[in-house]
Amino acid sequence: MKLINIGFGNIVATERIISIVSPESAPIKRIVQEAKDSKMAIDATYGRRTRSVIIMDSGHVVLSAIQPETIAGRADNSSEEKIEN
């Protein structure tokens, strides 16, 4: 199982990620609000501005203060390391 850092020492399993998106659009804001209402949101921003929303296969929604491109790059690097090993 590969893990990636999503900021401030918080880590998620790459195999469980469905998508990493920006929180700017109305549909994503709706998804985040529904997750908060149903207690399925995990806020990993440490009080900072949410810059990415990670949607997991378990239905959880993880909020991160790291840009989606940065998280995606970290996920790519971890998959490349897995192939090399």
C-alpha atoms as a PDB file:
ATOM      1  CA  MET A   1       0.000   0.000   0.000  1.00  0.00           C
ATOM      2  CA  LYS A   2       1.429   3.350  -1.086  1.00  0.00           C
ATOM      3  CA  LEU A   3       0.790   6.448   1.013  1.00  0.00           C
ATOM      4  CA  ILE A   4       1.114  10.099  -0.003  1.00  0.00           C
ATOM      5  CA  ASN A   5       1.507  13.183   2.138  1.00  0.00           C
ATOM      6  CA  ILE A   6      -1.411  15.617   1.694  1.00  0.00           C
ATOM      7  CA  GLY A   7       0.133  18.277   3.910  1.00  0.00           C
ATOM      8  CA  PHE A   8       1.000  18.876   7.557  1.00  0.00           C
ATOM      9  CA  GLY A   9       1.901  15.237   8.173  1.00  0.00           C
ATOM     10  CA  ASN A  10      -1.443  13.887   6.969  1.00  0.00           C
ATOM     11  CA  ILE A  11      -1.268  10.827   4.749  1.00  0.00           C
ATOM     12  CA  VAL A  12      -3.777   8.972   2.546  1.00  0.00           C
ATOM     13  CA  ALA A  13      -3.588   5.667   0.693  1.00  0.00           C
ATOM     14  CA  THR A  14      -3.182   6.201  -3.050  1.00  0.00           C
ATOM     15  CA  GLU A  15      -5.183   3.062  -3.882  1.00  0.00           C
ATOM     16  CA  ARG A  16      -8.259   4.543  -2.181  1.00  0.00           C
ATOM     17  CA  ILE A  17      -8.269   7.865  -4.081  1.00  0.00           C
ATOM     18  CA  ILE A  18     -10.919   8.299  -6.768  1.00  0.00           C
ATOM     19  CA  SER A  19     -10.124  11.921  -7.674  1.00  0.00           C
ATOM     20  CA  ILE A  20      -8.302  15.048  -6.565  1.00  0.00           C
ATOM     21  CA  VAL A  21     -10.178  18.216  -7.507  1.00  0.00           C
ATOM     22  CA  SER A  22     -10.198  21.942  -6.889  1.00  0.00           C
ATOM     23  CA  PRO A  23     -12.878  23.185  -4.458  1.00  0.00           C
ATOM     24  CA  GLU A  24     -13.881  26.143  -6.635  1.00  0.00           C
ATOM     25  CA  SER A  25     -16.874  24.786  -8.575  1.00  0.00           C
ATOM     26  CA  ALA A  26     -20.423  24.655  -7.236  1.00  0.00           C
ATOM     27  CA  PRO A  27     -20.795  20.855  -7.621  1.00  0.00           C
ATOM     28  CA  ILE A  28     -17.633  20.247  -5.582  1.00  0.00           C
ATOM     29  CA  LYS A  29     -18.785  22.716  -2.924  1.00  0.00           C
ATOM     30  CA  ARG A  30     -22.047  20.757  -2.773  1.00  0.00           C
ATOM     31  CA  ILE A  31     -20.159  17.460  -2.386  1.00  0.00           C
ATOM     32  CA  VAL A  32     -18.084  18.936   0.443  1.00  0.00           C
ATOM     33  CA  GLN A  33     -21.165  20.303   2.228  1.00  0.00           C
ATOM     34  CA  GLU A  34     -23.002  16.977   1.915  1.00  0.00           C
ATOM     35  CA  ALA A  35     -19.943  15.169   3.289  1.00  0.00           C
ATOM     36  CA  LYS A  36     -19.784  17.562   6.241  1.00  0.00           C
ATOM     37  CA  ASP A  37     -23.481  17.078   6.933  1.00  0.00           C
ATOM     38  CA  SER A  38     -23.142  13.283   6.864  1.00  0.00           C
ATOM     39  CA  LYS A  39     -19.906  13.318   8.922  1.00  0.00           C
ATOM     40  CA  MET A  40     -17.889  11.909   6.008  1.00  0.00           C
ATOM     41  CA  ALA A  41     -15.592  14.943   5.622  1.00  0.00           C
ATOM     42  CA  ILE A  42     -12.035  14.862   6.914  1.00  0.00           C
ATOM     43  CA  ASP A  43     -10.559  18.330   7.292  1.00  0.00           C
ATOM     44  CA  ALA A  44      -6.769  18.123   6.962  1.00  0.00           C
ATOM     45  CA  THR A  45      -6.256  21.852   6.320  1.00  0.00           C
ATOM     46  CA  TYR A  46      -5.258  22.838   9.872  1.00  0.00           C
ATOM     47  CA  GLY A  47      -7.376  25.966   9.550  1.00  0.00           C
ATOM     48  CA  ARG A  48      -5.885  27.051   6.257  1.00  0.00           C
ATOM     49  CA  ARG A  49      -7.708  27.637   2.980  1.00  0.00           C
ATOM     50  CA  THR A  50      -8.914  24.472   1.245  1.00  0.00           C
ATOM     51  CA  ARG A  51      -7.061  24.108  -2.037  1.00  0.00           C
ATOM     52  CA  SER A  52      -7.927  20.536  -2.943  1.00  0.00           C
ATOM     53  CA  VAL A  53     -10.675  18.037  -2.305  1.00  0.00           C
ATOM     54  CA  ILE A  54      -9.767  14.358  -2.349  1.00  0.00           C
ATOM     55  CA  ILE A  55     -12.640  11.984  -2.986  1.00  0.00           C
ATOM     56  CA  MET A  56     -12.053   8.501  -1.612  1.00  0.00           C
ATOM     57  CA  ASP A  57     -13.631   5.200  -2.636  1.00  0.00           C
ATOM     58  CA  SER A  58     -15.085   4.816   0.871  1.00  0.00           C
ATOM     59  CA  GLY A  59     -17.255   7.907   0.380  1.00  0.00           C
ATOM     60  CA  HIS A  60     -15.034  10.084   2.548  1.00  0.00           C
ATOM     61  CA  VAL A  61     -14.065  13.538   1.334  1.00  0.00           C
ATOM     62  CA  VAL A  62     -10.658  14.796   2.458  1.00  0.00           C
ATOM     63  CA  LEU A  63      -9.927  18.541   2.438  1.00  0.00           C
ATOM     64  CA  SER A  64      -6.315  19.597   1.992  1.00  0.00           C
ATOM     65  CA  ALA A  65      -4.453  22.910   1.942  1.00  0.00           C
ATOM     66  CA  ILE A  66      -2.112  21.594  -0.771  1.00  0.00           C
ATOM     67  CA  GLN A  67      -2.724  22.255  -4.489  1.00  0.00           C
ATOM     68  CA  PRO A  68      -4.267  19.344  -6.464  1.00  0.00           C
ATOM     69  CA  GLU A  69      -1.316  19.375  -8.885  1.00  0.00           C
ATOM     70  CA  THR A  70       1.121  18.913  -6.015  1.00  0.00           C
ATOM     71  CA  ILE A  71      -0.803  15.971  -4.574  1.00  0.00           C
ATOM     72  CA  ALA A  72      -1.148  14.389  -8.020  1.00  0.00           C
ATOM     73  CA  GLY A  73       2.592  14.793  -8.563  1.00  0.00           C
ATOM     74  CA  ARG A  74       3.309  13.086  -5.270  1.00  0.00           C
ATOM     75  CA  ALA A  75       0.975  10.245  -6.226  1.00  0.00           C
ATOM     76  CA  ASP A  76       2.746   9.884  -9.590  1.00  0.00           C
ATOM     77  CA  ASN A  77       6.135   9.803  -7.888  1.00  0.00           C
ATOM     78  CA  SER A  78       5.007   7.099  -5.480  1.00  0.00           C
ATOM     79  CA  SER A  79       3.665   4.959  -8.343  1.00  0.00           C
ATOM     80  CA  GLU A  80       6.950   5.363 -10.263  1.00  0.00           C
ATOM     81  CA  GLU A  81       8.873   4.235  -7.193  1.00  0.00           C
ATOM     82  CA  LYS A  82       6.607   1.192  -6.963  1.00  0.00           C
ATOM     83  CA  ILE A  83       7.337   0.260 -10.607  1.00  0.00           C
ATOM     84  CA  GLU A  84      11.088   0.659 -10.122  1.00  0.00           C
ATOM     85  CA  ASN A  85      11.092  -1.630  -7.066  1.00  0.00           C
END
